């Protein structure tokens, strides 16, 4: 485990001042470490606070940056960055897992790279920055971490949430709700998930991933592409309105009408 002072130096560069070091150490302490060390305070309360601070900052940013978007689209954009997978992604960018204090069991099963632990620790550090230096510093830290994701998510379109996009396209075609069937294999610390998505009792997509959610999203993407391509083919072959066969000038029934 890397010394907490290194992380504090990094935070000072980002937000202009260091955090309270004891508080930062708590933010980096997973409950598994606490259980093995006489109940030393862990990071779950800071995680709770950081989650709320993160939500306010991201929601405010999206509201101000995208005045043209309706509430539903804003909610999708927020969900694209305020989730375990996205927060774990930014935690890996700054090597946050190297600083987390874990119990021996979590360490032996790859806890430093688990999405849930990395995401929770990210939120706890946000809570620590907020308590140590205030909302302006927390805002700077969140933007430092998430601005690239926010920009990328705004350009994703259907890819922002494949499951919702598949549901919408299935509803448009009056095919009912997609149904996901997921299987897993492998040991607990290295499970692989395989998902199939059915629409109108037909498998329209499959996916794989290290989590159930990732496998379902991949399957939903495949299903969305399948149904979208089918709809496009139907449009291509359907005659346009008014495209009746042209008259040849002859009166087929000889009536002269």
Foldseek 3Di string as FASTA:
>chain_A
DDDLVVVQVVLCVQQVHGFDSVLLLQLQEDVQLCVVPVNDRHQQVLLVQLLVLLLVLLLVVLVVVCVPDDPVVSVLLSPLCSDLVNQLVLLVVVQVLVSHDHHPVCVVLVVSNDSVSSNSSSSSVLSRQCVGPNSSSSSSVSCVRCVVVSVVLVPQVCLSFLQVLLQVLLVVVVQDHKDKDKDWDDDPSQIKMKIFIDTNNHGQFIAIDSDPRRRVRRRSNSNSVSSVVVVVVCVVPDDDPPPDDDDPPDDVVPPPD
